[in-house]
C-alpha atoms as a PDB file:
ATOM      1  CA  MET A   1       0.000   0.000   0.000  1.00  0.00           C
ATOM      2  CA  GLU A   2       2.818   2.423   0.916  1.00  0.00           C
ATOM      3  CA  GLU A   3       4.540   1.662  -2.400  1.00  0.00           C
ATOM      4  CA  LYS A   4       1.329   2.430  -4.309  1.00  0.00           C
ATOM      5  CA  ILE A   5       0.963   5.774  -2.512  1.00  0.00           C
ATOM      6  CA  GLU A   6       4.601   6.617  -3.303  1.00  0.00           C
ATOM      7  CA  ILE A   7       4.043   5.831  -6.994  1.00  0.00           C
ATOM      8  CA  MET A   8       0.915   8.004  -7.106  1.00  0.00           C
ATOM      9  CA  THR A   9       2.783  10.881  -5.439  1.00  0.00           C
ATOM     10  CA  LEU A  10       5.652  10.584  -7.917  1.00  0.00           C
ATOM     11  CA  LEU A  11       3.242  10.518 -10.861  1.00  0.00           C
ATOM     12  CA  GLN A  12       1.387  13.591  -9.631  1.00  0.00           C
ATOM     13  CA  ASN A  13       4.664  15.459  -9.129  1.00  0.00           C
ATOM     14  CA  LYS A  14       5.752  14.433 -12.617  1.00  0.00           C
ATOM     15  CA  GLN A  15       2.492  15.752 -14.073  1.00  0.00           C
ATOM     16  CA  LEU A  16       2.989  19.123 -12.396  1.00  0.00           C
ATOM     17  CA  LEU A  17       6.577  19.389 -13.615  1.00  0.00           C
ATOM     18  CA  GLU A  18       5.609  18.444 -17.172  1.00  0.00           C
ATOM     19  CA  HIS A  19       2.809  20.991 -17.163  1.00  0.00           C
ATOM     20  CA  GLU A  20       5.161  23.708 -15.932  1.00  0.00           C
ATOM     21  CA  LEU A  21       7.665  22.760 -18.629  1.00  0.00           C
ATOM     22  CA  GLN A  22       4.991  22.948 -21.334  1.00  0.00           C
ATOM     23  CA  SER A  23       3.798  26.362 -20.135  1.00  0.00           C
ATOM     24  CA  ILE A  24       7.125  28.192 -20.593  1.00  0.00           C
ATOM     25  CA  ALA A  25       8.942  29.299 -23.755  1.00  0.00           C
ATOM     26  CA  TYR A  26      12.509  27.996 -23.791  1.00  0.00           C
ATOM     27  CA  GLY A  27      15.215  26.760 -26.144  1.00  0.00           C
ATOM     28  CA  SER A  28      17.742  28.185 -28.567  1.00  0.00           C
ATOM     29  CA  ILE A  29      16.616  31.646 -29.685  1.00  0.00           C
ATOM     30  CA  GLU A  30      16.225  32.788 -33.262  1.00  0.00           C
ATOM     31  CA  ILE A  31      15.445  36.401 -34.203  1.00  0.00           C
ATOM     32  CA  ARG A  32      13.666  36.859 -37.524  1.00  0.00           C
ATOM     33  CA  GLU A  33      13.156  40.220 -39.184  1.00  0.00           C
ATOM     34  CA  LYS A  34      10.235  41.266 -41.371  1.00  0.00           C
ATOM     35  CA  ASP A  35       9.230  44.782 -42.476  1.00  0.00           C
ATOM     36  CA  SER A  36      11.759  46.321 -40.066  1.00  0.00           C
ATOM     37  CA  ASN A  37      10.232  44.410 -37.137  1.00  0.00           C
ATOM     38  CA  LYS A  38      11.917  41.659 -35.119  1.00  0.00           C
ATOM     39  CA  TYR A  39      10.238  38.447 -33.942  1.00  0.00           C
ATOM     40  CA  LEU A  40      11.411  35.812 -31.493  1.00  0.00           C
ATOM     41  CA  TYR A  41      11.292  32.075 -32.176  1.00  0.00           C
ATOM     42  CA  VAL A  42      12.652  29.216 -30.083  1.00  0.00           C
ATOM     43  CA  HIS A  43      13.959  25.819 -31.182  1.00  0.00           C
ATOM     44  CA  TYR A  44      13.642  23.004 -28.663  1.00  0.00           C
ATOM     45  CA  ARG A  45      13.634  19.213 -28.541  1.00  0.00           C
ATOM     46  CA  GLU A  46      10.601  17.179 -27.496  1.00  0.00           C
ATOM     47  CA  ASP A  47      10.497  13.358 -27.591  1.00  0.00           C
ATOM     48  CA  GLY A  48      13.605  13.386 -29.774  1.00  0.00           C
ATOM     49  CA  VAL A  49      12.079  15.778 -32.320  1.00  0.00           C
ATOM     50  CA  VAL A  50      13.333  19.341 -32.846  1.00  0.00           C
ATOM     51  CA  LEU A  51      10.404  21.788 -32.813  1.00  0.00           C
ATOM     52  CA  THR A  52      10.129  25.508 -33.522  1.00  0.00           C
ATOM     53  CA  LYS A  53       7.682  27.863 -31.816  1.00  0.00           C
ATOM     54  CA  TYR A  54       6.888  31.535 -32.293  1.00  0.00           C
ATOM     55  CA  VAL A  55       7.122  33.448 -28.998  1.00  0.00           C
ATOM     56  CA  GLY A  56       6.378  37.091 -29.807  1.00  0.00           C
ATOM     57  CA  GLU A  57       7.676  40.417 -31.013  1.00  0.00           C
ATOM     58  CA  TYR A  58      11.227  41.107 -29.945  1.00  0.00           C
ATOM     59  CA  SER A  59      11.875  42.916 -26.697  1.00  0.00           C
ATOM     60  CA  GLU A  60      14.842  42.764 -24.402  1.00  0.00           C
ATOM     61  CA  GLU A  61      12.558  41.693 -21.559  1.00  0.00           C
ATOM     62  CA  LEU A  62      11.117  38.775 -23.543  1.00  0.00           C
ATOM     63  CA  TYR A  63      14.571  37.776 -24.788  1.00  0.00           C
ATOM     64  CA  ASN A  64      15.903  37.637 -21.208  1.00  0.00           C
ATOM     65  CA  LEU A  65      12.809  35.737 -20.057  1.00  0.00           C
ATOM     66  CA  ILE A  66      13.490  32.998 -22.619  1.00  0.00           C
ATOM     67  CA  LEU A  67      17.102  32.764 -21.437  1.00  0.00           C
ATOM     68  CA  SER A  68      15.873  32.433 -17.844  1.00  0.00           C
ATOM     69  CA  ASN A  69      13.264  29.873 -18.880  1.00  0.00           C
ATOM     70  CA  SER A  70      15.911  27.776 -20.647  1.00  0.00           C
ATOM     71  CA  ILE A  71      17.832  27.454 -17.380  1.00  0.00           C
ATOM     72  CA  LYS A  72      14.595  26.609 -15.573  1.00  0.00           C
ATOM     73  CA  ALA A  73      13.680  24.011 -18.244  1.00  0.00           C
ATOM     74  CA  LYS A  74      16.957  22.156 -17.687  1.00  0.00           C
ATOM     75  CA  GLU A  75      16.181  21.896 -13.977  1.00  0.00           C
ATOM     76  CA  LEU A  76      12.599  20.746 -14.629  1.00  0.00           C
ATOM     77  CA  LYS A  77      13.834  18.064 -17.047  1.00  0.00           C
ATOM     78  CA  ARG A  78      16.395  16.931 -14.467  1.00  0.00           C
ATOM     79  CA  GLN A  79      13.654  16.543 -11.850  1.00  0.00           C
ATOM     80  CA  ILE A  80      11.484  14.605 -14.317  1.00  0.00           C
ATOM     81  CA  ARG A  81      14.386  12.243 -15.070  1.00  0.00           C
ATOM     82  CA  GLU A  82      14.869  11.673 -11.328  1.00  0.00           C
ATOM     83  CA  ILE A  83      11.194  10.806 -10.934  1.00  0.00           C
ATOM     84  CA  ASN A  84      11.343   8.405 -13.890  1.00  0.00           C
ATOM     85  CA  LYS A  85      14.361   6.753 -12.291  1.00  0.00           C
ATOM     86  CA  LYS A  86      12.504   6.289  -8.982  1.00  0.00           C
ATOM     87  CA  LEU A  87       9.444   4.940 -10.787  1.00  0.00           C
ATOM     88  CA  LYS A  88      11.630   2.391 -12.553  1.00  0.00           C
ATOM     89  CA  GLN A  89      13.123   1.323  -9.211  1.00  0.00           C
ATOM     90  CA  LEU A  90       9.564   0.762  -7.955  1.00  0.00           C
ATOM     91  CA  ASN A  91       8.877  -1.417 -11.032  1.00  0.00           C
ATOM     92  CA  TYR A  92       6.192   0.973 -12.247  1.00  0.00           C
ATOM     93  CA  VAL A  93       4.904   0.241 -15.756  1.00  0.00           C
ATOM     94  CA  GLU A  94       3.113   3.119 -17.433  1.00  0.00           C
ATOM     95  CA  GLU A  95      -0.482   2.399 -18.314  1.00  0.00           C
ATOM     96  CA  GLU A  96      -1.749   2.891 -21.836  1.00  0.00           C
ATOM     97  CA  LEU A  97      -4.861   4.810 -22.768  1.00  0.00           C
ATOM     98  CA  THR A  98      -7.727   2.840 -24.232  1.00  0.00           C
ATOM     99  CA  ASP A  99      -8.800   3.684 -27.781  1.00  0.00           C
ATOM    100  CA  LYS A 100     -12.019   5.142 -26.410  1.00  0.00           C
ATOM    101  CA  VAL A 101     -10.208   7.503 -24.049  1.00  0.00           C
ATOM    102  CA  GLU A 102      -7.778   8.583 -26.781  1.00  0.00           C
ATOM    103  CA  GLN A 103     -10.770   9.331 -29.014  1.00  0.00           C
ATOM    104  CA  ASN A 104     -12.314  11.350 -26.194  1.00  0.00           C
ATOM    105  CA  ILE A 105      -9.113  13.372 -25.737  1.00  0.00           C
ATOM    106  CA  ASP A 106      -9.040  14.143 -29.466  1.00  0.00           C
ATOM    107  CA  PHE A 107     -12.744  15.047 -29.295  1.00  0.00           C
ATOM    108  CA  ALA A 108     -12.117  17.434 -26.377  1.00  0.00           C
ATOM    109  CA  LYS A 109      -9.185  19.046 -28.208  1.00  0.00           C
ATOM    110  CA  ARG A 110     -11.289  19.607 -31.338  1.00  0.00           C
ATOM    111  CA  HIS A 111     -13.949  21.327 -29.230  1.00  0.00           C
ATOM    112  CA  LEU A 112     -11.484  23.208 -27.028  1.00  0.00           C
ATOM    113  CA  VAL A 113     -12.134  26.734 -28.333  1.00  0.00           C
ATOM    114  CA  ASP A 114     -15.896  26.272 -28.107  1.00  0.00           C
ATOM    115  CA  THR A 115     -15.661  24.755 -24.611  1.00  0.00           C
ATOM    116  CA  ILE A 116     -13.440  27.549 -23.301  1.00  0.00           C
ATOM    117  CA  TYR A 117     -15.665  30.187 -24.909  1.00  0.00           C
ATOM    118  CA  LYS A 118     -18.682  28.709 -23.107  1.00  0.00           C
ATOM    119  CA  GLN A 119     -16.813  28.672 -19.795  1.00  0.00           C
ATOM    120  CA  ALA A 120     -15.723  32.281 -20.291  1.00  0.00           C
ATOM    121  CA  ILE A 121     -19.315  33.385 -20.914  1.00  0.00           C
ATOM    122  CA  LEU A 122     -20.461  31.463 -17.816  1.00  0.00           C
ATOM    123  CA  GLU A 123     -17.873  33.443 -15.855  1.00  0.00           C
ATOM    124  CA  GLY A 124     -19.045  36.789 -17.269  1.00  0.00           C
ATOM    125  CA  VAL A 125     -15.958  37.351 -19.412  1.00  0.00           C
ATOM    126  CA  ALA A 126     -16.634  39.909 -22.161  1.00  0.00           C
ATOM    127  CA  THR A 127     -15.418  37.929 -25.167  1.00  0.00           C
ATOM    128  CA  THR A 128     -16.562  36.629 -28.526  1.00  0.00           C
ATOM    129  CA  PHE A 129     -15.895  33.222 -30.035  1.00  0.00           C
ATOM    130  CA  ALA A 130     -13.459  34.802 -32.506  1.00  0.00           C
ATOM    131  CA  ASP A 131     -11.563  36.649 -29.760  1.00  0.00           C
ATOM    132  CA  THR A 132     -11.439  33.500 -27.625  1.00  0.00           C
ATOM    133  CA  GLU A 133      -9.987  31.577 -30.561  1.00  0.00           C
ATOM    134  CA  SER A 134      -7.418  34.314 -31.198  1.00  0.00           C
ATOM    135  CA  ILE A 135      -6.278  34.335 -27.565  1.00  0.00           C
ATOM    136  CA  ILE A 136      -5.961  30.535 -27.476  1.00  0.00           C
ATOM    137  CA  GLU A 137      -3.854  30.624 -30.632  1.00  0.00           C
ATOM    138  CA  GLY A 138      -1.574  33.316 -29.164  1.00  0.00           C
ATOM    139  CA  GLY A 139      -2.913  36.214 -31.212  1.00  0.00           C
ATOM    140  CA  LYS A 140      -3.858  39.745 -30.191  1.00  0.00           C
ATOM    141  CA  VAL A 141      -7.349  41.043 -29.449  1.00  0.00           C
ATOM    142  CA  ASN A 142      -8.831  44.500 -28.967  1.00  0.00           C
ATOM    143  CA  ASN A 143     -11.379  45.827 -26.483  1.00  0.00           C
ATOM    144  CA  MET A 144     -10.740  43.160 -23.845  1.00  0.00           C
ATOM    145  CA  THR A 145      -9.297  43.739 -20.394  1.00  0.00           C
ATOM    146  CA  SER A 146      -6.023  42.078 -19.464  1.00  0.00           C
ATOM    147  CA  GLU A 147      -7.912  40.300 -16.659  1.00  0.00           C
ATOM    148  CA  ASP A 148     -10.409  38.717 -19.054  1.00  0.00           C
ATOM    149  CA  ILE A 149      -7.610  37.691 -21.429  1.00  0.00           C
ATOM    150  CA  LEU A 150      -5.721  36.060 -18.554  1.00  0.00           C
ATOM    151  CA  LYS A 151      -8.840  34.109 -17.538  1.00  0.00           C
ATOM    152  CA  ILE A 152      -9.044  32.620 -21.034  1.00  0.00           C
ATOM    153  CA  VAL A 153      -5.310  31.858 -21.132  1.00  0.00           C
ATOM    154  CA  ASN A 154      -5.605  30.135 -17.747  1.00  0.00           C
ATOM    155  CA  LEU A 155      -8.566  28.072 -18.955  1.00  0.00           C
ATOM    156  CA  LYS A 156      -6.507  26.963 -21.961  1.00  0.00           C
ATOM    157  CA  ASN A 157      -3.623  25.957 -19.680  1.00  0.00           C
ATOM    158  CA  ALA A 158      -5.932  24.062 -17.306  1.00  0.00           C
ATOM    159  CA  TRP A 159      -7.563  22.122 -20.153  1.00  0.00           C
ATOM    160  CA  GLU A 160      -4.198  21.267 -21.681  1.00  0.00           C
ATOM    161  CA  PHE A 161      -3.109  20.053 -18.251  1.00  0.00           C
ATOM    162  CA  ILE A 162      -5.987  17.605 -17.779  1.00  0.00           C
ATOM    163  CA  LEU A 163      -5.720  16.356 -21.376  1.00  0.00           C
ATOM    164  CA  ASN A 164      -2.133  15.271 -20.761  1.00  0.00           C
ATOM    165  CA  LYS A 165      -1.865  11.461 -20.915  1.00  0.00           C
ATOM    166  CA  ASN A 166      -0.389  11.074 -17.422  1.00  0.00           C
ATOM    167  CA  VAL A 167      -3.029  13.355 -15.919  1.00  0.00           C
ATOM    168  CA  ILE A 168      -5.889  11.526 -17.629  1.00  0.00           C
ATOM    169  CA  LEU A 169      -4.521   8.259 -16.248  1.00  0.00           C
ATOM    170  CA  SER A 170      -4.429   9.648 -12.695  1.00  0.00           C
ATOM    171  CA  ASP A 171      -7.329   9.663 -10.237  1.00  0.00           C
ATOM    172  CA  THR A 172      -9.973  12.375 -10.198  1.00  0.00           C
ATOM    173  CA  ASN A 173      -9.204  13.425  -6.639  1.00  0.00           C
ATOM    174  CA  PHE A 174      -8.714  16.334  -4.256  1.00  0.00           C
ATOM    175  CA  VAL A 175      -5.075  16.881  -5.270  1.00  0.00           C
ATOM    176  CA  LEU A 176      -6.099  17.235  -8.912  1.00  0.00           C
ATOM    177  CA  LEU A 177      -8.961  19.573  -7.970  1.00  0.00           C
ATOM    178  CA  CYS A 178      -6.545  21.915  -6.170  1.00  0.00           C
ATOM    179  CA  GLU A 179      -4.075  21.861  -9.058  1.00  0.00           C
ATOM    180  CA  ILE A 180      -6.800  22.814 -11.536  1.00  0.00           C
ATOM    181  CA  ASN A 181      -7.798  25.790  -9.386  1.00  0.00           C
ATOM    182  CA  LYS A 182      -4.159  26.798  -9.071  1.00  0.00           C
ATOM    183  CA  ILE A 183      -3.890  26.980 -12.868  1.00  0.00           C
ATOM    184  CA  VAL A 184      -7.297  28.632 -13.346  1.00  0.00           C
ATOM    185  CA  GLU A 185      -6.502  31.352 -10.808  1.00  0.00           C
ATOM    186  CA  ASN A 186      -2.853  31.851 -11.733  1.00  0.00           C
ATOM    187  CA  GLY A 187      -2.040  35.555 -11.545  1.00  0.00           C
ATOM    188  CA  PHE A 188      -5.173  36.461  -9.576  1.00  0.00           C
ATOM    189  CA  TYR A 189      -4.742  35.124  -6.038  1.00  0.00           C
ATOM    190  CA  TYR A 190      -1.627  34.085  -4.123  1.00  0.00           C
ATOM    191  CA  SER A 191      -3.806  31.451  -2.427  1.00  0.00           C
ATOM    192  CA  ALA A 192      -4.841  29.826  -5.718  1.00  0.00           C
ATOM    193  CA  GLY A 193      -5.190  26.069  -5.292  1.00  0.00           C
ATOM    194  CA  LYS A 194      -5.634  26.325  -1.536  1.00  0.00           C
ATOM    195  CA  ILE A 195      -8.824  25.830   0.450  1.00  0.00           C
ATOM    196  CA  ARG A 196     -10.416  29.145   1.348  1.00  0.00           C
ATOM    197  CA  ASN A 197     -10.366  30.179   5.002  1.00  0.00           C
ATOM    198  CA  VAL A 198     -12.723  33.149   4.742  1.00  0.00           C
ATOM    199  CA  PRO A 199     -16.532  33.255   4.357  1.00  0.00           C
ATOM    200  CA  VAL A 200     -18.054  33.903   0.928  1.00  0.00           C
ATOM    201  CA  THR A 201     -21.498  34.989  -0.236  1.00  0.00           C
ATOM    202  CA  ILE A 202     -23.431  33.883  -3.312  1.00  0.00           C
ATOM    203  CA  GLY A 203     -25.282  36.399  -5.466  1.00  0.00           C
ATOM    204  CA  GLY A 204     -29.056  35.924  -5.646  1.00  0.00           C
ATOM    205  CA  THR A 205     -29.443  34.038  -2.356  1.00  0.00           C
ATOM    206  CA  THR A 206     -28.955  34.463   1.379  1.00  0.00           C
ATOM    207  CA  TRP A 207     -27.555  30.916   1.587  1.00  0.00           C
ATOM    208  CA  LYS A 208     -23.887  30.782   2.531  1.00  0.00           C
ATOM    209  CA  PRO A 209     -21.554  27.791   2.105  1.00  0.00           C
ATOM    210  CA  ASP A 210     -19.735  26.525   5.177  1.00  0.00           C
ATOM    211  CA  LEU A 211     -15.986  26.885   5.434  1.00  0.00           C
ATOM    212  CA  PRO A 212     -14.531  23.858   3.611  1.00  0.00           C
ATOM    213  CA  ILE A 213     -12.656  21.186   5.579  1.00  0.00           C
ATOM    214  CA  GLU A 214     -10.134  19.138   3.609  1.00  0.00           C
ATOM    215  CA  SER A 215     -10.810  15.782   5.278  1.00  0.00           C
ATOM    216  CA  ILE A 216     -14.563  16.112   4.737  1.00  0.00           C
ATOM    217  CA  ILE A 217     -14.166  17.130   1.087  1.00  0.00           C
ATOM    218  CA  LYS A 218     -11.917  14.135   0.396  1.00  0.00           C
ATOM    219  CA  GLU A 219     -14.426  11.815   2.080  1.00  0.00           C
ATOM    220  CA  GLU A 220     -17.414  13.262   0.200  1.00  0.00           C
ATOM    221  CA  LEU A 221     -15.618  13.135  -3.153  1.00  0.00           C
ATOM    222  CA  GLU A 222     -14.823   9.480  -2.491  1.00  0.00           C
ATOM    223  CA  GLU A 223     -18.489   8.818  -1.710  1.00  0.00           C
ATOM    224  CA  ILE A 224     -19.546  10.304  -5.054  1.00  0.00           C
ATOM    225  CA  LEU A 225     -16.922   8.300  -6.946  1.00  0.00           C
ATOM    226  CA  ASN A 226     -18.077   5.075  -5.253  1.00  0.00           C
ATOM    227  CA  LYS A 227     -21.773   5.559  -6.066  1.00  0.00           C
ATOM    228  CA  LYS A 228     -23.453   2.887  -8.162  1.00  0.00           C
ATOM    229  CA  ILE A 229     -24.503   5.271 -10.924  1.00  0.00           C
ATOM    230  CA  ASP A 230     -23.315   5.698 -14.508  1.00  0.00           C
ATOM    231  CA  ASP A 231     -20.262   7.790 -15.312  1.00  0.00           C
ATOM    232  CA  VAL A 232     -22.185  10.731 -16.783  1.00  0.00           C
ATOM    233  CA  ASP A 233     -24.344  11.090 -13.667  1.00  0.00           C
ATOM    234  CA  LYS A 234     -21.213  10.744 -11.546  1.00  0.00           C
ATOM    235  CA  ALA A 235     -19.505  13.562 -13.468  1.00  0.00           C
ATOM    236  CA  ILE A 236     -22.594  15.750 -13.015  1.00  0.00           C
ATOM    237  CA  GLU A 237     -22.533  15.110  -9.269  1.00  0.00           C
ATOM    238  CA  LEU A 238     -18.837  15.999  -9.105  1.00  0.00           C
ATOM    239  CA  LEU A 239     -19.556  19.216 -11.016  1.00  0.00           C
ATOM    240  CA  LEU A 240     -22.416  20.332  -8.776  1.00  0.00           C
ATOM    241  CA  TYR A 241     -20.802  19.228  -5.513  1.00  0.00           C
ATOM    242  CA  THR A 242     -17.584  21.163  -6.118  1.00  0.00           C
ATOM    243  CA  MET A 243     -19.516  24.244  -7.250  1.00  0.00           C
ATOM    244  CA  LYS A 244     -21.753  24.254  -4.178  1.00  0.00           C
ATOM    245  CA  LYS A 245     -18.920  23.683  -1.733  1.00  0.00           C
ATOM    246  CA  GLN A 246     -17.155  26.873  -2.930  1.00  0.00           C
ATOM    247  CA  ILE A 247     -13.872  25.247  -1.928  1.00  0.00           C
ATOM    248  CA  PHE A 248     -11.671  28.063  -3.216  1.00  0.00           C
ATOM    249  CA  ILE A 249     -11.696  31.825  -2.863  1.00  0.00           C
ATOM    250  CA  ASP A 250     -12.513  32.221  -6.576  1.00  0.00           C
ATOM    251  CA  GLY A 251     -12.786  30.310  -9.860  1.00  0.00           C
ATOM    252  CA  ASN A 252     -14.994  27.569  -8.436  1.00  0.00           C
ATOM    253  CA  LYS A 253     -17.265  27.195 -11.476  1.00  0.00           C
ATOM    254  CA  ARG A 254     -14.323  27.105 -13.901  1.00  0.00           C
ATOM    255  CA  THR A 255     -12.501  24.611 -11.686  1.00  0.00           C
ATOM    256  CA  SER A 256     -15.596  22.420 -11.243  1.00  0.00           C
ATOM    257  CA  VAL A 257     -16.312  22.153 -14.970  1.00  0.00           C
ATOM    258  CA  ILE A 258     -12.747  21.112 -15.789  1.00  0.00           C
ATOM    259  CA  PHE A 259     -12.543  18.749 -12.793  1.00  0.00           C
ATOM    260  CA  SER A 260     -15.738  16.891 -13.743  1.00  0.00           C
ATOM    261  CA  ASN A 261     -14.590  16.712 -17.364  1.00  0.00           C
ATOM    262  CA  HIS A 262     -11.364  15.050 -16.251  1.00  0.00           C
ATOM    263  CA  TYR A 263     -13.438  12.220 -14.805  1.00  0.00           C
ATOM    264  CA  LEU A 264     -15.719  12.019 -17.840  1.00  0.00           C
ATOM    265  CA  ILE A 265     -12.885  12.037 -20.385  1.00  0.00           C
ATOM    266  CA  SER A 266     -10.890   9.481 -18.387  1.00  0.00           C
ATOM    267  CA  LYS A 267     -13.857   7.136 -18.862  1.00  0.00           C
ATOM    268  CA  GLY A 268     -14.209   7.956 -22.574  1.00  0.00           C
ATOM    269  CA  LYS A 269     -17.731   9.293 -22.085  1.00  0.00           C
ATOM    270  CA  GLY A 270     -17.655  12.753 -23.711  1.00  0.00           C
ATOM    271  CA  ILE A 271     -17.609  16.263 -22.238  1.00  0.00           C
ATOM    272  CA  ILE A 272     -19.811  18.677 -20.299  1.00  0.00           C
ATOM    273  CA  ALA A 273     -20.105  22.316 -21.399  1.00  0.00           C
ATOM    274  CA  ILE A 274     -22.849  24.799 -20.483  1.00  0.00           C
ATOM    275  CA  PRO A 275     -24.090  26.380 -23.762  1.00  0.00           C
ATOM    276  CA  SER A 276     -23.507  30.150 -23.825  1.00  0.00           C
ATOM    277  CA  GLU A 277     -27.149  30.846 -24.692  1.00  0.00           C
ATOM    278  CA  LEU A 278     -28.262  28.842 -21.624  1.00  0.00           C
ATOM    279  CA  THR A 279     -25.906  30.470 -19.115  1.00  0.00           C
ATOM    280  CA  GLU A 280     -28.641  32.430 -17.345  1.00  0.00           C
ATOM    281  CA  LYS A 281     -30.913  29.379 -17.176  1.00  0.00           C
ATOM    282  CA  PHE A 282     -28.101  27.378 -15.593  1.00  0.00           C
ATOM    283  CA  LYS A 283     -27.418  30.119 -13.028  1.00  0.00           C
ATOM    284  CA  ASP A 284     -31.131  30.299 -12.205  1.00  0.00           C
ATOM    285  CA  LEU A 285     -31.168  26.554 -11.534  1.00  0.00           C
ATOM    286  CA  LEU A 286     -28.046  26.788  -9.359  1.00  0.00           C
ATOM    287  CA  ILE A 287     -29.733  28.946  -6.718  1.00  0.00           C
ATOM    288  CA  PRO A 288     -32.431  26.445  -5.622  1.00  0.00           C
ATOM    289  CA  TYR A 289     -29.798  23.697  -5.854  1.00  0.00           C
ATOM    290  CA  TYR A 290     -27.516  25.660  -3.502  1.00  0.00           C
ATOM    291  CA  GLU A 291     -30.442  26.181  -1.143  1.00  0.00           C
ATOM    292  CA  GLY A 292     -31.185  22.451  -1.119  1.00  0.00           C
ATOM    293  CA  LYS A 293     -34.602  22.830  -2.747  1.00  0.00           C
ATOM    294  CA  ASP A 294     -34.118  21.135  -6.114  1.00  0.00           C
ATOM    295  CA  GLU A 295     -31.422  18.747  -7.300  1.00  0.00           C
ATOM    296  CA  LYS A 296     -33.367  16.818  -9.934  1.00  0.00           C
ATOM    297  CA  GLN A 297     -34.066  19.744 -12.270  1.00  0.00           C
ATOM    298  CA  ILE A 298     -30.497  20.998 -12.595  1.00  0.00           C
ATOM    299  CA  LYS A 299     -29.120  17.475 -13.005  1.00  0.00           C
ATOM    300  CA  GLN A 300     -31.639  16.805 -15.757  1.00  0.00           C
ATOM    301  CA  PHE A 301     -30.768  20.153 -17.382  1.00  0.00           C
ATOM    302  CA  ILE A 302     -27.043  19.322 -17.447  1.00  0.00           C
ATOM    303  CA  ARG A 303     -27.679  15.828 -18.795  1.00  0.00           C
ATOM    304  CA  GLU A 304     -30.024  17.004 -21.563  1.00  0.00           C
ATOM    305  CA  LYS A 305     -28.542  20.412 -22.493  1.00  0.00           C
ATOM    306  CA  CYS A 306     -24.867  20.398 -21.497  1.00  0.00           C
ATOM    307  CA  TYR A 307     -23.635  16.848 -21.998  1.00  0.00           C
ATOM    308  CA  ILE A 308     -22.013  15.975 -25.339  1.00  0.00           C
ATOM    309  CA  SER A 309     -21.244  12.334 -26.059  1.00  0.00           C
ATOM    310  CA  ILE A 310     -18.593  11.211 -28.541  1.00  0.00           C
END
């Protein structure tokens, strides 16, 4: 049992390191000039293949950041190699994804812009589908606040994190939930990914969630995961439970949607996304659910209007 826990801890640490490595621009720098402007590209090696990536318009600050990131990348790769070495010593054999799960990952990636756009609208971000797509692809947009742009960038990073093979193969648990919130709230709160320790209020109701307790959350998540219900209903329960608990100081809806989708995708059962045109209807149904008056209606709504099978 202790060996299994050690393996799971090593795998989770490896996932975090790999995600951090993927989120930074590093490698040998190339400066290209066009129409008197300079642009920065990096060349780096991934799985034995040399890749090239555009980083941005040249600036001394960006140039120095890439140099700093290249040093950081070497350290991250060293730590990943150390983890792989320990896993080998523990006789760990990496699991393979089933065809159905691989298809689901591809399906989620194809719908990524649309899914993130829907999440942004749910969160009240002033964006369009075209602007969301531009941000995800690294382009520039006008008439959007830096805060709204960062929310979309963070959603992209969180989705890419859970769609990583090693992350999909890991358990849908409290540790993963906290890591998703940490990514979603990156740049907004120093306490991102940590359980809130202050009271919060919910708009539209006098109901207030209790202060979350880690041991209770872990126990209640385990109860949901052990229920004798189908995987779609289980994902819906995970979504609603984590929303209602208001576990974090902010970003709970964004975190909950991605967390429940991790479970659903890991089972090869599709994705959940609240349609932008039904955002207000969903919010209206949340209030009686929070107040403990109606669970059936919102669960039925999510199943019929928000669930997309592959």
